[in-house]
Amino acid sequence: MARDRKDLGARKFVRVDLRKRGFLIPAPDAPWIECYILDISENGACLDVGDLAVPKMFGLSLTAGGDVLRVCTLIWRRGEMVGVRFISARELRQGAAPAGEADATSKKAHA
């Protein structure tokens, strides 16, 4: 369920509770690793990855078939949970994915 904009505090994007299985893709040819997508926004997501070592940049499949993919950068980790930001296609083309908050003009990356 989407949180009301008043509840966002300093957040720029509304988060939606998703609580579904996803797949972390650590490298292009690496096996996909199951994770749990706790919530998601236009800009990023919160994932439960257990004790998995998460690379600074990785792929995230929102579906088992890979129909919905995002490229992510790791922003924070608290125990088994990580916060990720989706990297825009523009950032990928520029060859650098800045850490931290995306600016308001950032768009979702499409595979």
C-alpha atoms as a PDB file:
ATOM      1  CA  MET A   1       0.000   0.000   0.000  1.00  0.00           C
ATOM      2  CA  ALA A   2       1.428   3.400  -0.945  1.00  0.00           C
ATOM      3  CA  ARG A   3       2.361   5.709   1.883  1.00  0.00           C
ATOM      4  CA  ASP A   4       0.836   9.147   1.937  1.00  0.00           C
ATOM      5  CA  ARG A   5       3.128  11.948   0.753  1.00  0.00           C
ATOM      6  CA  LYS A   6       2.870  13.511   4.250  1.00  0.00           C
ATOM      7  CA  ASP A   7       4.583  10.404   5.662  1.00  0.00           C
ATOM      8  CA  LEU A   8       7.592  10.743   3.387  1.00  0.00           C
ATOM      9  CA  GLY A   9       9.645  12.960   5.665  1.00  0.00           C
ATOM     10  CA  ALA A  10      12.797  13.742   3.661  1.00  0.00           C
ATOM     11  CA  ARG A  11      11.986  11.150   0.971  1.00  0.00           C
ATOM     12  CA  LYS A  12      11.359  12.339  -2.578  1.00  0.00           C
ATOM     13  CA  PHE A  13       9.485   9.260  -3.788  1.00  0.00           C
ATOM     14  CA  VAL A  14       6.504   7.327  -2.447  1.00  0.00           C
ATOM     15  CA  ARG A  15       7.408   3.809  -1.315  1.00  0.00           C
ATOM     16  CA  VAL A  16       5.075   0.922  -1.997  1.00  0.00           C
ATOM     17  CA  ASP A  17       5.132  -2.196   0.189  1.00  0.00           C
ATOM     18  CA  LEU A  18       5.859  -5.026  -2.214  1.00  0.00           C
ATOM     19  CA  ARG A  19       6.986  -7.968  -0.099  1.00  0.00           C
ATOM     20  CA  LYS A  20       7.703 -10.339  -2.957  1.00  0.00           C
ATOM     21  CA  ARG A  21      10.498 -12.504  -4.249  1.00  0.00           C
ATOM     22  CA  GLY A  22      13.102 -10.922  -6.491  1.00  0.00           C
ATOM     23  CA  PHE A  23      16.482 -11.939  -7.860  1.00  0.00           C
ATOM     24  CA  LEU A  24      19.820 -10.247  -7.314  1.00  0.00           C
ATOM     25  CA  ILE A  25      22.150 -10.548 -10.324  1.00  0.00           C
ATOM     26  CA  PRO A  26      25.712  -9.970  -9.039  1.00  0.00           C
ATOM     27  CA  ALA A  27      27.345 -10.038 -12.517  1.00  0.00           C
ATOM     28  CA  PRO A  28      26.116 -10.499 -16.100  1.00  0.00           C
ATOM     29  CA  ASP A  29      26.994 -14.208 -16.329  1.00  0.00           C
ATOM     30  CA  ALA A  30      26.532 -15.058 -12.644  1.00  0.00           C
ATOM     31  CA  PRO A  31      23.674 -17.181 -11.328  1.00  0.00           C
ATOM     32  CA  TRP A  32      20.689 -15.219 -10.008  1.00  0.00           C
ATOM     33  CA  ILE A  33      20.315 -15.195  -6.230  1.00  0.00           C
ATOM     34  CA  GLU A  34      16.887 -15.067  -4.647  1.00  0.00           C
ATOM     35  CA  CYS A  35      16.166 -12.080  -2.401  1.00  0.00           C
ATOM     36  CA  TYR A  36      13.041 -10.504  -0.960  1.00  0.00           C
ATOM     37  CA  ILE A  37      11.876  -7.056  -2.142  1.00  0.00           C
ATOM     38  CA  LEU A  38      10.380  -5.378   0.917  1.00  0.00           C
ATOM     39  CA  ASP A  39       9.369  -2.086  -0.670  1.00  0.00           C
ATOM     40  CA  ILE A  40       9.996  -0.174  -3.854  1.00  0.00           C
ATOM     41  CA  SER A  41       9.785   3.376  -5.184  1.00  0.00           C
ATOM     42  CA  GLU A  42      10.418   5.060  -8.520  1.00  0.00           C
ATOM     43  CA  ASN A  43      14.007   5.615  -7.411  1.00  0.00           C
ATOM     44  CA  GLY A  44      15.011   2.457  -5.502  1.00  0.00           C
ATOM     45  CA  ALA A  45      14.106  -0.409  -3.210  1.00  0.00           C
ATOM     46  CA  CYS A  46      14.687  -2.026   0.139  1.00  0.00           C
ATOM     47  CA  LEU A  47      15.764  -5.673  -0.099  1.00  0.00           C
ATOM     48  CA  ASP A  48      16.179  -8.499   2.391  1.00  0.00           C
ATOM     49  CA  VAL A  49      19.322 -10.316   1.232  1.00  0.00           C
ATOM     50  CA  GLY A  50      20.140 -12.353   4.336  1.00  0.00           C
ATOM     51  CA  ASP A  51      23.881 -12.652   4.871  1.00  0.00           C
ATOM     52  CA  LEU A  52      24.629 -12.393   1.138  1.00  0.00           C
ATOM     53  CA  ALA A  53      27.599 -10.208   0.175  1.00  0.00           C
ATOM     54  CA  VAL A  54      26.145  -7.560  -2.143  1.00  0.00           C
ATOM     55  CA  PRO A  55      28.347  -5.849  -4.757  1.00  0.00           C
ATOM     56  CA  LYS A  56      28.347  -2.060  -5.089  1.00  0.00           C
ATOM     57  CA  MET A  57      26.546  -2.341  -8.453  1.00  0.00           C
ATOM     58  CA  PHE A  58      24.303  -5.215  -9.530  1.00  0.00           C
ATOM     59  CA  GLY A  59      21.167  -6.178 -11.403  1.00  0.00           C
ATOM     60  CA  LEU A  60      17.779  -6.764  -9.803  1.00  0.00           C
ATOM     61  CA  SER A  61      15.061  -8.784 -11.482  1.00  0.00           C
ATOM     62  CA  LEU A  62      11.579  -8.065 -10.191  1.00  0.00           C
ATOM     63  CA  THR A  63      10.248 -11.188 -11.920  1.00  0.00           C
ATOM     64  CA  ALA A  64      11.445 -14.785 -12.131  1.00  0.00           C
ATOM     65  CA  GLY A  65      11.536 -14.562 -15.928  1.00  0.00           C
ATOM     66  CA  GLY A  66      13.616 -11.392 -15.985  1.00  0.00           C
ATOM     67  CA  ASP A  67      10.860  -9.365 -17.648  1.00  0.00           C
ATOM     68  CA  VAL A  68      11.452  -6.403 -15.312  1.00  0.00           C
ATOM     69  CA  LEU A  69      15.110  -5.608 -14.638  1.00  0.00           C
ATOM     70  CA  ARG A  70      16.839  -2.689 -12.933  1.00  0.00           C
ATOM     71  CA  VAL A  71      20.499  -1.846 -12.471  1.00  0.00           C
ATOM     72  CA  CYS A  72      21.129  -0.874  -8.851  1.00  0.00           C
ATOM     73  CA  THR A  73      23.774   0.699  -6.679  1.00  0.00           C
ATOM     74  CA  LEU A  74      24.087  -0.220  -3.010  1.00  0.00           C
ATOM     75  CA  ILE A  75      23.346   2.772  -0.756  1.00  0.00           C
ATOM     76  CA  TRP A  76      23.189   1.280   2.732  1.00  0.00           C
ATOM     77  CA  ARG A  77      23.137  -1.987   4.660  1.00  0.00           C
ATOM     78  CA  ARG A  78      21.583  -2.723   8.057  1.00  0.00           C
ATOM     79  CA  GLY A  79      21.994  -6.376   8.968  1.00  0.00           C
ATOM     80  CA  GLU A  80      20.115  -8.450   6.398  1.00  0.00           C
ATOM     81  CA  MET A  81      18.463  -5.426   4.739  1.00  0.00           C
ATOM     82  CA  VAL A  82      19.966  -3.223   2.028  1.00  0.00           C
ATOM     83  CA  GLY A  83      18.795  -0.021   0.411  1.00  0.00           C
ATOM     84  CA  VAL A  84      19.444   0.360  -3.302  1.00  0.00           C
ATOM     85  CA  ARG A  85      19.031   3.145  -5.822  1.00  0.00           C
ATOM     86  CA  PHE A  86      18.110   2.424  -9.401  1.00  0.00           C
ATOM     87  CA  ILE A  87      20.726   3.680 -11.857  1.00  0.00           C
ATOM     88  CA  SER A  88      19.374   5.592 -14.830  1.00  0.00           C
ATOM     89  CA  ALA A  89      20.226   4.737 -18.416  1.00  0.00           C
ATOM     90  CA  ARG A  90      21.946   8.136 -18.650  1.00  0.00           C
ATOM     91  CA  GLU A  91      24.224   7.270 -15.716  1.00  0.00           C
ATOM     92  CA  LEU A  92      25.084   3.921 -17.293  1.00  0.00           C
ATOM     93  CA  ARG A  93      25.951   5.592 -20.608  1.00  0.00           C
ATOM     94  CA  GLN A  94      28.187   8.061 -18.761  1.00  0.00           C
ATOM     95  CA  GLY A  95      30.000   5.126 -17.212  1.00  0.00           C
ATOM     96  CA  ALA A  96      29.600   6.194 -13.618  1.00  0.00           C
ATOM     97  CA  ALA A  97      26.940   5.458 -11.069  1.00  0.00           C
ATOM     98  CA  PRO A  98      27.163   8.045  -8.307  1.00  0.00           C
ATOM     99  CA  ALA A  99      26.545   6.821  -4.780  1.00  0.00           C
ATOM    100  CA  GLY A 100      23.920   8.494  -2.655  1.00  0.00           C
ATOM    101  CA  GLU A 101      20.661  10.129  -3.515  1.00  0.00           C
ATOM    102  CA  ALA A 102      19.658  10.617  -7.135  1.00  0.00           C
ATOM    103  CA  ASP A 103      18.652  14.049  -8.295  1.00  0.00           C
ATOM    104  CA  ALA A 104      15.015  14.768  -9.088  1.00  0.00           C
ATOM    105  CA  THR A 105      15.582  14.419 -12.834  1.00  0.00           C
ATOM    106  CA  SER A 106      16.864  10.855 -12.558  1.00  0.00           C
ATOM    107  CA  LYS A 107      14.779   8.270 -14.407  1.00  0.00           C
ATOM    108  CA  LYS A 108      14.545   4.489 -14.028  1.00  0.00           C
ATOM    109  CA  ALA A 109      16.993   2.371 -16.013  1.00  0.00           C
ATOM    110  CA  HIS A 110      15.391   0.015 -18.513  1.00  0.00           C
ATOM    111  CA  ALA A 111      17.019  -3.168 -19.625  1.00  0.00           C
END
